[in-house]
Protein backbone atom coordinates (compact mmCIF):
# COMPACT_ATOMS: atom_id res chain seq x y z
CA MET A 1 139.03 -97.38 17.35
CA LEU A 2 135.72 -96.84 18.76
CA LYS A 3 136.91 -94.29 21.19
CA SER A 4 138.61 -92.57 18.15
CA TYR A 5 135.48 -92.40 16.21
CA LEU A 6 132.84 -91.43 19.03
CA GLY A 7 134.83 -87.99 19.80
CA PRO A 8 134.87 -86.31 16.41
CA PHE A 9 131.16 -87.82 15.81
CA LEU A 10 129.71 -86.29 18.74
CA VAL A 11 131.68 -82.66 18.23
CA THR A 12 130.84 -82.69 14.42
CA ILE A 13 127.11 -83.41 15.20
CA PHE A 14 127.05 -80.84 17.76
CA ILE A 15 128.62 -78.26 15.36
CA THR A 16 126.52 -79.25 12.58
CA ILE A 17 123.21 -78.68 14.69
CA PHE A 18 124.75 -75.26 16.41
CA ILE A 19 125.33 -73.66 12.70
CA LEU A 20 121.61 -74.95 11.50
CA LEU A 21 120.29 -73.36 14.75
CA MET A 22 122.25 -69.82 14.03
CA GLN A 23 120.99 -70.19 10.64
CA PHE A 24 117.10 -70.58 11.92
CA LEU A 25 117.57 -67.67 14.53
CA TRP A 26 118.71 -65.33 11.54
CA LYS A 27 115.84 -66.12 9.50
CA TYR A 28 113.08 -66.00 12.40
CA VAL A 29 114.84 -62.85 14.11
CA ASP A 30 112.24 -60.61 12.99
CA ASP A 31 109.42 -62.84 14.59
CA LEU A 32 111.46 -63.11 18.08
CA VAL A 33 112.65 -59.73 18.58
CA GLY A 34 110.57 -56.76 20.30
CA LYS A 35 107.93 -59.35 21.82
CA GLY A 36 109.09 -59.86 25.63
CA LEU A 37 109.51 -63.47 25.24
CA GLU A 38 110.66 -65.22 28.16
CA TRP A 39 113.85 -67.34 28.39
CA ASP A 40 112.24 -70.75 28.67
CA VAL A 41 110.04 -70.07 25.49
CA ILE A 42 113.10 -69.39 23.33
CA LEU A 43 114.82 -72.41 25.05
CA ARG A 44 111.94 -74.53 24.16
CA LEU A 45 111.91 -73.42 20.69
CA MET A 46 115.71 -73.68 19.92
CA PHE A 47 115.28 -76.97 21.53
CA TYR A 48 112.53 -78.18 19.30
CA ALA A 49 114.45 -76.73 16.40
CA SER A 50 117.52 -78.44 17.09
CA ALA A 51 115.49 -81.77 17.57
CA THR A 52 113.96 -81.23 13.69
CA PHE A 53 117.76 -80.39 12.36
CA VAL A 54 118.91 -84.06 13.20
CA PRO A 55 118.14 -85.52 9.81
CA LEU A 56 120.23 -83.17 8.09
CA ALA A 57 123.17 -83.00 10.72
CA LEU A 58 123.14 -86.65 11.30
CA PRO A 59 124.74 -88.00 7.60
CA LEU A 60 127.09 -85.11 7.52
CA ALA A 61 128.34 -85.99 10.99
CA VAL A 62 128.55 -89.59 10.29
CA LEU A 63 130.75 -88.65 7.06
CA LEU A 64 133.02 -86.07 8.46
CA SER A 65 133.80 -88.23 11.62
CA SER A 66 134.73 -91.47 9.52
CA LEU A 67 136.61 -89.29 7.34
CA MET A 68 138.59 -87.80 10.24
CA THR A 69 138.79 -91.01 12.16
CA PHE A 70 140.60 -93.24 9.30
CA GLY A 71 142.25 -90.04 8.06
CA ASN A 72 143.99 -89.58 11.27
CA MET A 73 144.74 -93.26 11.44
CA GLY A 74 146.29 -93.34 8.18
CA GLU A 75 148.21 -90.17 8.69
CA HIS A 76 149.81 -91.58 11.70
CA TYR A 77 150.33 -94.66 10.05
CA GLU A 78 148.22 -96.60 12.53
CA LEU A 79 146.39 -98.51 9.40
CA VAL A 80 149.93 -99.50 8.13
CA SER A 81 150.67 -101.07 11.41
CA ILE A 82 147.07 -102.85 11.35
CA LYS A 83 147.57 -104.44 7.87
CA SER A 84 151.20 -105.23 8.65
CA ALA A 85 149.97 -107.17 11.69
CA GLY A 86 147.69 -109.38 9.25
CA ILE A 87 144.56 -107.40 10.14
CA SER A 88 142.81 -106.51 6.94
CA LEU A 89 140.77 -103.08 6.62
CA GLN A 90 137.63 -105.04 6.90
CA LYS A 91 138.17 -106.54 10.05
CA ALA A 92 139.73 -103.43 11.55
CA MET A 93 136.41 -101.67 10.45
CA GLN A 94 134.04 -104.20 11.96
CA PRO A 95 133.34 -102.61 15.22
CA LEU A 96 132.69 -99.05 13.40
CA ILE A 97 130.33 -100.96 10.65
CA ILE A 98 128.35 -102.35 13.88
CA LEU A 99 128.45 -98.51 15.16
CA ALA A 100 127.22 -97.52 11.86
CA VAL A 101 124.40 -99.94 11.71
CA LEU A 102 123.15 -99.15 15.14
CA ILE A 103 123.24 -95.30 14.20
CA SER A 104 121.16 -96.09 11.06
CA ILE A 105 118.59 -97.92 13.09
CA SER A 106 118.46 -94.76 15.56
CA ALA A 107 118.32 -92.42 12.79
CA PHE A 108 115.06 -94.44 11.51
CA LEU A 109 113.58 -94.86 15.08
CA PHE A 110 114.20 -90.96 15.67
CA SER A 111 112.80 -90.17 12.35
CA ASN A 112 109.85 -92.18 12.92
CA TYR A 113 108.86 -91.32 16.33
CA VAL A 114 110.78 -88.38 17.87
CA PHE A 115 111.07 -86.14 14.76
CA PRO A 116 107.18 -86.07 14.06
CA VAL A 117 106.78 -84.81 17.64
CA ALA A 118 109.55 -82.41 17.77
CA ASN A 119 108.14 -81.13 14.65
CA LEU A 120 104.52 -80.75 15.95
CA LYS A 121 105.94 -78.91 19.05
CA PHE A 122 108.15 -76.66 17.38
CA GLY A 123 105.59 -75.66 14.60
CA SER A 124 102.96 -74.90 17.32
CA LEU A 125 105.26 -73.13 19.37
CA LEU A 126 106.75 -71.08 16.36
CA TYR A 127 103.11 -70.41 15.04
CA ASP A 128 102.10 -69.07 18.59
CA ILE A 129 105.14 -66.85 18.80
CA ARG A 130 104.46 -65.39 15.25
CA GLN A 131 100.84 -64.69 16.41
CA LYS A 132 101.91 -62.73 19.46
CA LYS A 133 101.90 -59.22 19.67
CA LEU A 134 105.00 -56.73 20.13
CA ALA A 135 105.62 -56.02 23.81
CA PHE A 136 104.07 -52.60 24.66
CA ASN A 137 106.34 -50.02 24.22
CA LEU A 138 105.03 -46.02 23.85
CA ASP A 139 107.29 -43.85 21.63
CA GLU A 140 107.28 -40.41 21.48
CA GLY A 141 104.82 -38.78 19.09
CA ILE A 142 103.27 -42.12 17.74
CA PHE A 143 100.02 -43.22 17.90
CA ASP A 144 100.20 -46.94 19.58
CA ASN A 145 97.27 -49.45 18.96
CA GLU A 146 98.58 -52.48 20.59
CA LEU A 147 96.22 -52.31 22.94
CA ASN A 148 92.75 -53.60 21.33
CA GLY A 149 90.17 -50.97 22.00
CA TYR A 150 92.70 -48.15 22.70
CA VAL A 151 95.04 -45.51 20.77
CA ILE A 152 97.68 -43.73 22.71
CA ARG A 153 100.04 -41.25 22.04
CA ALA A 154 102.89 -39.43 24.33
CA GLY A 155 103.85 -36.46 23.00
CA ARG A 156 107.40 -36.38 25.08
CA LYS A 157 108.66 -39.15 27.61
CA ALA A 158 110.89 -38.38 30.52
CA LYS A 159 114.27 -40.27 31.16
CA ASP A 160 112.67 -42.50 33.52
CA ASN A 161 110.60 -44.05 30.73
CA LYS A 162 107.48 -43.66 33.06
CA THR A 163 106.38 -39.95 33.17
CA ILE A 164 104.81 -39.03 29.75
CA TYR A 165 103.56 -35.68 28.77
CA ASP A 166 100.93 -34.37 26.30
CA VAL A 167 98.96 -37.51 26.49
CA MET A 168 96.22 -38.51 24.24
CA ILE A 169 94.21 -41.49 24.52
CA TYR A 170 91.01 -42.60 22.19
CA ASP A 171 88.79 -45.08 23.67
CA HIS A 172 87.25 -47.16 20.74
CA THR A 173 85.93 -49.89 23.02
CA GLY A 174 82.20 -48.80 21.90
CA ARG A 175 83.21 -49.05 18.35
CA MET A 176 81.55 -45.59 17.59
CA GLY A 177 84.58 -44.23 16.28
CA ASN A 178 86.45 -41.11 18.01
CA THR A 179 83.52 -40.51 20.33
CA LYS A 180 85.77 -40.81 23.86
CA VAL A 181 88.99 -39.08 24.02
CA THR A 182 90.92 -38.35 26.99
CA VAL A 183 93.70 -35.62 26.94
CA ALA A 184 95.94 -34.53 29.83
CA LYS A 185 99.36 -32.73 30.46
CA LYS A 186 101.07 -35.43 32.22
CA GLY A 187 100.64 -39.08 33.15
CA LEU A 188 102.54 -41.53 34.90
CA MET A 189 102.78 -45.49 33.43
CA GLU A 190 103.10 -48.54 35.85
CA LEU A 191 102.61 -51.98 35.83
CA SER A 192 100.58 -53.59 38.34
CA PRO A 193 102.04 -56.01 41.05
CA ASN A 194 100.81 -59.18 39.01
CA GLN A 195 102.24 -57.55 35.69
CA LYS A 196 98.95 -58.20 33.93
CA GLN A 197 97.86 -54.55 33.62
CA LEU A 198 98.93 -51.32 32.66
CA VAL A 199 98.22 -48.82 35.06
CA ILE A 200 98.48 -44.75 33.80
CA THR A 201 97.91 -42.01 36.21
CA LEU A 202 96.69 -38.97 34.26
CA TYR A 203 97.48 -35.20 35.73
CA ASN A 204 95.02 -32.08 34.65
CA GLY A 205 93.19 -33.02 31.75
CA TYR A 206 89.94 -33.38 30.20
CA ASN A 207 87.44 -36.07 28.88
CA TYR A 208 85.80 -35.22 25.63
CA ILE A 209 82.63 -37.44 25.16
CA GLU A 210 80.03 -37.17 22.17
CA VAL A 211 76.98 -38.23 23.51
CA THR A 212 75.27 -40.91 21.30
CA ASN A 213 72.39 -42.55 23.24
CA GLU A 214 70.24 -39.67 23.22
CA ARG A 215 67.51 -39.09 20.41
CA ASP A 216 68.71 -37.19 17.24
CA TYR A 217 72.10 -37.12 18.43
CA ARG A 218 73.40 -37.37 14.44
CA GLN A 219 71.89 -33.79 14.15
CA ASN A 220 72.08 -32.16 17.19
CA HIS A 221 75.66 -33.67 18.30
CA PRO A 222 75.47 -33.35 22.15
CA PHE A 223 78.88 -32.90 23.59
CA GLU A 224 80.19 -33.55 26.95
CA GLU A 225 83.45 -32.17 28.60
CA ILE A 226 84.86 -33.42 31.99
CA LYS A 227 87.75 -31.78 33.51
CA PHE A 228 89.92 -33.70 36.08
CA LYS A 229 92.87 -33.31 38.24
CA LYS A 230 93.69 -36.89 38.51
CA GLN A 231 92.38 -39.54 36.80
CA ILE A 232 93.65 -43.44 36.82
CA LEU A 233 93.49 -45.73 33.94
CA SER A 234 94.04 -49.48 33.86
CA PHE A 235 94.30 -51.42 30.80
CA ASP A 236 94.60 -55.33 30.24
CA LEU A 237 98.11 -56.50 29.09
CA SER A 238 96.66 -60.50 28.78
CA GLN A 239 95.98 -59.62 24.97
CA LEU A 240 99.73 -59.51 24.51
CA ASP A 241 100.62 -62.52 26.33
CA LEU A 242 101.84 -65.94 24.38
CA SER A 243 98.69 -67.73 23.73
CA HIS A 244 99.00 -71.58 23.28
CA THR A 245 97.21 -73.01 20.38
CA ASN A 246 95.99 -76.38 20.55
CA GLU A 247 98.25 -78.76 19.21
CA SER A 248 95.73 -81.16 17.62
CA LEU A 249 95.51 -78.61 14.95
CA PHE A 250 98.79 -79.39 13.64
CA LYS A 251 99.04 -82.77 14.25
CA ASN A 252 97.21 -84.18 11.08
CA HIS A 253 99.93 -82.88 8.90
CA TYR A 254 101.85 -85.08 6.86
CA SER A 255 105.37 -83.88 8.56
CA MET A 256 104.19 -84.74 11.75
CA LEU A 257 102.97 -88.64 11.25
CA ASN A 258 104.84 -91.70 11.64
CA ILE A 259 104.90 -94.64 9.67
CA LYS A 260 101.62 -96.32 10.78
CA GLN A 261 99.82 -92.93 10.69
CA LEU A 262 101.25 -91.91 6.97
CA ASP A 263 100.01 -95.55 5.81
CA HIS A 264 96.31 -94.91 7.34
CA ALA A 265 96.14 -91.17 5.82
CA ILE A 266 97.27 -92.45 2.60
CA ASP A 267 94.85 -95.23 2.42
CA SER A 268 92.14 -92.67 3.55
CA LEU A 269 93.02 -90.13 0.90
CA SER A 270 93.25 -92.82 -2.04
CA ARG A 271 89.87 -94.17 -1.12
CA PHE A 272 88.51 -90.72 -0.92
CA VAL A 273 89.99 -90.00 -4.75
CA THR A 274 88.81 -93.40 -5.89
CA THR A 275 85.24 -92.96 -4.45
CA ARG A 276 84.95 -89.40 -5.82
CA GLU A 277 86.00 -90.57 -9.31
CA VAL A 278 83.41 -93.35 -9.43
CA ALA A 279 80.82 -90.82 -7.90
CA PHE A 280 81.83 -88.32 -10.24
CA ARG A 281 81.48 -90.66 -13.39
CA GLN A 282 78.10 -91.73 -12.33
CA ASN A 283 76.64 -88.12 -12.07
CA ALA A 284 78.15 -87.17 -15.17
CA LEU A 285 76.68 -90.15 -17.04
CA ARG A 286 73.42 -89.37 -15.28
CA ASN A 287 73.49 -85.60 -15.91
CA PHE A 288 74.51 -85.83 -19.41
CA GLY A 289 72.86 -89.16 -20.59
CA TYR A 290 72.66 -88.23 -24.12
CA LEU A 291 76.41 -88.61 -24.36
CA ARG A 292 76.32 -92.33 -23.38
CA PRO A 293 76.29 -94.93 -26.31
CA LYS A 294 72.90 -96.39 -26.87
CA ARG A 295 73.23 -100.05 -27.37
CA LYS A 296 70.65 -102.94 -27.77
CA ASN A 297 71.12 -106.25 -25.68
CA TYR A 298 71.17 -109.05 -28.24
CA ARG A 299 72.05 -112.71 -26.72
CA ASN A 300 73.46 -113.51 -30.25
CA GLY A 301 76.39 -111.80 -31.61
CA GLU A 302 75.64 -112.58 -35.36
CA MET A 303 72.03 -111.23 -34.89
CA ALA A 304 73.74 -108.11 -33.48
CA GLN A 305 76.10 -107.88 -36.37
CA LYS A 306 73.04 -108.39 -39.05
CA GLU A 307 71.14 -105.73 -36.92
CA ALA A 308 74.01 -103.05 -37.26
CA LYS A 309 74.29 -103.71 -41.07
CA LYS A 310 70.58 -102.88 -41.74
CA ALA A 311 70.80 -99.72 -39.28
CA PRO A 312 70.18 -96.62 -41.40
CA VAL A 313 72.90 -93.84 -41.46
CA LEU A 314 71.79 -90.95 -39.21
CA TYR A 315 74.92 -88.76 -40.03
CA PRO A 316 74.73 -85.96 -40.87
CA PHE A 317 71.72 -85.90 -38.63
CA LEU A 318 71.37 -81.77 -39.12
CA ARG A 319 70.24 -82.26 -42.73
CA ASN A 320 66.83 -83.08 -41.46
CA PHE A 321 66.42 -79.64 -39.99
CA ASP A 322 66.12 -76.08 -41.57
CA LEU A 323 68.98 -73.44 -40.66
CA ALA A 324 67.05 -71.83 -37.76
CA ALA A 325 66.79 -75.01 -36.21
CA ARG A 326 70.28 -76.19 -36.87
CA SER A 327 71.82 -73.29 -35.35
CA GLN A 328 69.65 -73.77 -32.07
CA ILE A 329 70.87 -77.59 -31.90
CA LEU A 330 74.52 -76.36 -32.31
CA GLU A 331 73.97 -73.74 -29.66
CA ILE A 332 72.42 -76.17 -27.26
CA ALA A 333 75.20 -78.50 -27.96
CA GLN A 334 77.93 -76.13 -27.52
CA ARG A 335 76.56 -74.87 -23.96
CA HIS A 336 76.10 -78.68 -22.98
CA THR A 337 79.46 -79.32 -24.10
CA ARG A 338 80.97 -76.24 -22.29
CA SER A 339 79.50 -77.03 -19.18
CA ALA A 340 80.13 -80.56 -19.17
CA LYS A 341 83.97 -79.35 -19.67
CA ASP A 342 83.91 -76.91 -16.74
CA ASN A 343 82.54 -79.38 -14.46
CA VAL A 344 85.07 -81.98 -15.23
CA LEU A 345 87.88 -79.38 -15.00
CA PHE A 346 86.34 -77.98 -11.81
CA HIS A 347 86.08 -81.66 -9.95
CA VAL A 348 89.71 -82.09 -11.23
CA ASN A 349 91.47 -79.01 -10.41
CA ARG A 350 89.43 -78.45 -7.07
CA ILE A 351 89.00 -81.71 -5.95
CA ILE A 352 90.94 -84.85 -7.35
CA ASN A 353 94.39 -83.04 -8.00
CA PRO A 354 94.96 -81.36 -4.36
CA LYS A 355 94.30 -84.96 -3.02
CA LYS A 356 96.76 -86.47 -5.30
CA GLN A 357 99.18 -83.82 -4.50
CA LEU A 358 98.45 -84.42 -0.75
CA ILE A 359 99.12 -88.29 -1.40
CA ILE A 360 102.42 -87.75 -2.90
CA ARG A 361 103.75 -85.50 -0.03
CA HIS A 362 102.80 -88.22 2.32
CA GLU A 363 104.56 -90.71 0.46
CA ILE A 364 107.65 -88.30 0.19
CA ILE A 365 107.61 -88.26 3.78
CA TRP A 366 107.21 -92.08 4.14
CA ASN A 367 110.17 -92.78 1.93
CA GLN A 368 112.42 -90.27 3.58
CA LYS A 369 112.22 -91.84 6.79
CA PHE A 370 113.81 -95.09 5.47
CA LYS A 371 116.26 -92.78 3.12
CA LEU A 372 117.86 -90.92 6.45
CA SER A 373 118.86 -94.45 7.95
CA LEU A 374 120.24 -95.83 4.58
CA ALA A 375 122.06 -92.49 3.95
CA CYS A 376 123.88 -92.56 7.36
CA LEU A 377 125.10 -96.19 6.50
CA ILE A 378 126.40 -94.98 2.91
CA PHE A 379 128.24 -91.98 4.16
CA PHE A 380 129.96 -94.31 6.59
CA PHE A 381 131.28 -96.36 3.87
CA ILE A 382 132.04 -93.29 1.85
CA GLY A 383 133.98 -91.63 4.46
CA ALA A 384 135.91 -94.22 6.19
CA PRO A 385 137.25 -95.72 2.67
CA LEU A 386 137.92 -92.01 1.50
CA GLY A 387 139.97 -91.27 4.58
CA ALA A 388 142.06 -94.32 4.59
CA ILE A 389 142.80 -93.24 1.10
CA ILE A 390 143.69 -89.38 1.51
CA ARG A 391 145.25 -90.32 5.00
CA LYS A 392 144.74 -86.96 5.97
CA GLY A 393 143.14 -86.02 9.48
CA GLY A 394 142.38 -82.87 11.37
CA LEU A 395 139.75 -80.11 10.23
CA GLY A 396 141.34 -79.20 7.05
CA LEU A 397 141.02 -81.51 3.95
CA PRO A 398 138.57 -83.61 5.52
CA VAL A 399 135.97 -81.08 6.09
CA VAL A 400 136.26 -79.71 2.63
CA ILE A 401 135.62 -83.09 1.01
CA SER A 402 132.75 -83.81 3.41
CA VAL A 403 131.02 -80.59 2.58
CA ILE A 404 131.51 -81.30 -1.24
CA PHE A 405 130.08 -84.67 -1.15
CA PHE A 406 127.01 -83.77 1.23
CA VAL A 407 126.35 -80.48 -0.98
CA ILE A 408 126.12 -82.79 -4.25
CA TYR A 409 123.82 -85.37 -2.03
CA HIS A 410 121.75 -82.60 -0.75
CA VAL A 411 121.22 -80.60 -3.96
CA ILE A 412 120.16 -84.02 -5.92
CA SER A 413 117.85 -84.65 -2.99
CA VAL A 414 116.07 -81.54 -3.14
CA THR A 415 115.96 -81.52 -6.78
CA GLY A 416 114.27 -85.10 -6.59
CA VAL A 417 111.68 -84.34 -4.09
CA LYS A 418 110.96 -81.25 -5.95
CA ALA A 419 110.19 -83.25 -8.96
CA ALA A 420 108.41 -85.55 -7.55
CA ARG A 421 105.90 -83.43 -5.79
CA ALA A 422 105.67 -81.49 -9.23
CA GLY A 423 104.48 -85.19 -10.43
CA GLU A 424 107.53 -84.87 -13.08
CA LEU A 425 109.25 -87.98 -11.41
CA SER A 426 107.67 -90.72 -9.50
CA VAL A 427 107.71 -90.66 -5.57
CA VAL A 428 110.16 -93.55 -5.31
CA PHE A 429 112.69 -92.22 -7.87
CA GLY A 430 112.74 -88.60 -6.98
CA VAL A 431 113.22 -89.30 -3.41
CA TRP A 432 115.73 -92.26 -3.86
CA LEU A 433 117.80 -90.28 -6.54
CA SER A 434 120.38 -89.11 -4.23
CA THR A 435 120.94 -92.36 -2.52
CA MET A 436 121.03 -94.24 -5.92
CA VAL A 437 123.78 -91.67 -7.02
CA ILE A 438 126.20 -91.94 -3.73
CA LEU A 439 125.48 -95.53 -2.98
CA PRO A 440 128.00 -96.77 -6.13
CA LEU A 441 130.39 -94.04 -5.06
CA GLY A 442 130.49 -95.70 -1.63
CA LEU A 443 130.63 -99.21 -3.00
CA PHE A 444 133.62 -97.83 -5.30
CA LEU A 445 135.58 -96.17 -2.39
CA THR A 446 135.05 -99.49 -0.21
CA TYR A 447 136.46 -101.65 -2.74
CA LYS A 448 139.54 -99.39 -3.44
CA ALA A 449 140.26 -98.86 0.10
CA THR A 450 140.14 -102.62 1.18
CA THR A 451 142.24 -103.66 -2.12
CA ASP A 452 144.93 -101.21 -1.32
CA ALA A 453 144.22 -99.65 -4.45
CA PRO A 454 146.54 -96.36 -5.22
CA LEU A 455 143.63 -94.01 -6.01
CA MET A 456 145.44 -90.85 -4.41
CA ASP A 457 148.79 -91.73 -5.37
CA SER A 458 150.09 -89.24 -8.09
CA GLU A 459 152.87 -91.40 -9.12
CA SER A 460 150.25 -94.16 -10.25
CA TRP A 461 148.26 -91.72 -11.90
CA GLU A 462 151.30 -90.18 -14.01
CA LYS A 463 151.90 -94.01 -14.77
CA PHE A 464 148.39 -94.58 -16.16
CA PHE A 465 148.43 -91.36 -18.18
CA GLU A 466 152.00 -92.01 -19.62
CA LYS A 467 150.83 -95.41 -20.44
CA HIS A 468 147.84 -94.18 -21.99
CA LYS A 469 149.77 -91.82 -24.33
CA ALA A 470 152.30 -94.71 -25.33
CA VAL A 471 148.83 -96.79 -26.40
CA LYS A 472 147.69 -93.94 -28.04
CA LYS A 473 150.94 -93.21 -30.13
CA THR A 474 151.04 -97.06 -31.02
CA VAL A 475 147.45 -96.90 -32.36
CA ASP A 476 147.95 -93.57 -34.33
CA PHE A 477 151.16 -95.30 -35.86
């Protein structure tokens, strides 16, 4: 049974990761094509991307492989032989249950230790590739500015892709505009032996230079013209190489942390929010002290009640002022109120709410690490009983059923996570909503499979509906 399960499991997880990888390449094809990336860089990117797809591919592989395994056994009457030998389905499933538990534990360890590192490597490498400029390729009649400080145009290129004609080069390294221009009738492009420099040899051309280091050059416009028969120009291509960003710039992102680091980040962010709220409350009372209610400290409560009854009624206090003073008082009060409101909104929207959103995202990732391992276990208890019930193996019906179940699970999961991020649901409920939906289904299918319930038997359903119709007719009568 283990042998019949491991084969489909490894094949399905490989196929699932391959499909997700092709989707990734199709999504980022614009960032990869035309940049002269080496094969080792592309292979590393694909390897890291494949590792990040495991949390999505592993539950589907568990569901499909368990459904195929027990479907094949049911189709070839192996389950019937096992039951006729006096072995229950629960006992027959014990080896695979142990394997499913081990897969779930491995999924948690992968999600906690391997996935953050793979996500960090993948994110930093993809960022470097996106920042990399396109490989230098001079097209006919187009001004190319890929080389910093220079703009190059070739009117025509020969078939050897090296010889160029009607060459024009603008030198902007001095940041003085188009003050240095080189034109030539013919040129030859070659790479240096170390592939780090582009060497262009020009023939029969001119250098036009506007002199800008003389006095009153803006009024006089001094100009130099230098004719040459041969001139060699060298351009540094290191600026087009793939630069490697320091990974420490990305390692504090919530998707690249393990459980311990997430706990530390959540605790630090919560302390920051609490400290800022307390400090803001104290500063608000200090800056707007007149809003603080003034109370006298009485040792005796009865004396305080007596003093309160004797206190004169001060409101409406504006009656004590003339009309001009009332208008001025109201204007000052409105100005202070608007200032206090703007201060509160700025503090909440710019400081408190972003930090709380960050805490929510950390908590979502924290819960998802446990959710993956439990999802693998639940999908096993959906696929195995369902395969024993439908008794169909191969890649036909099991694939359709697996995709339907997984799409439902994934849609509910994405919806719950988005609602949790928006604050419409609690983090725990939003993340675990999909698990709470499929868990009763797994328990129901396991119960039906172990009790040999005719769930997929058409005759049983016909008898059920006939019985229901008979009961309805009796009640109507």
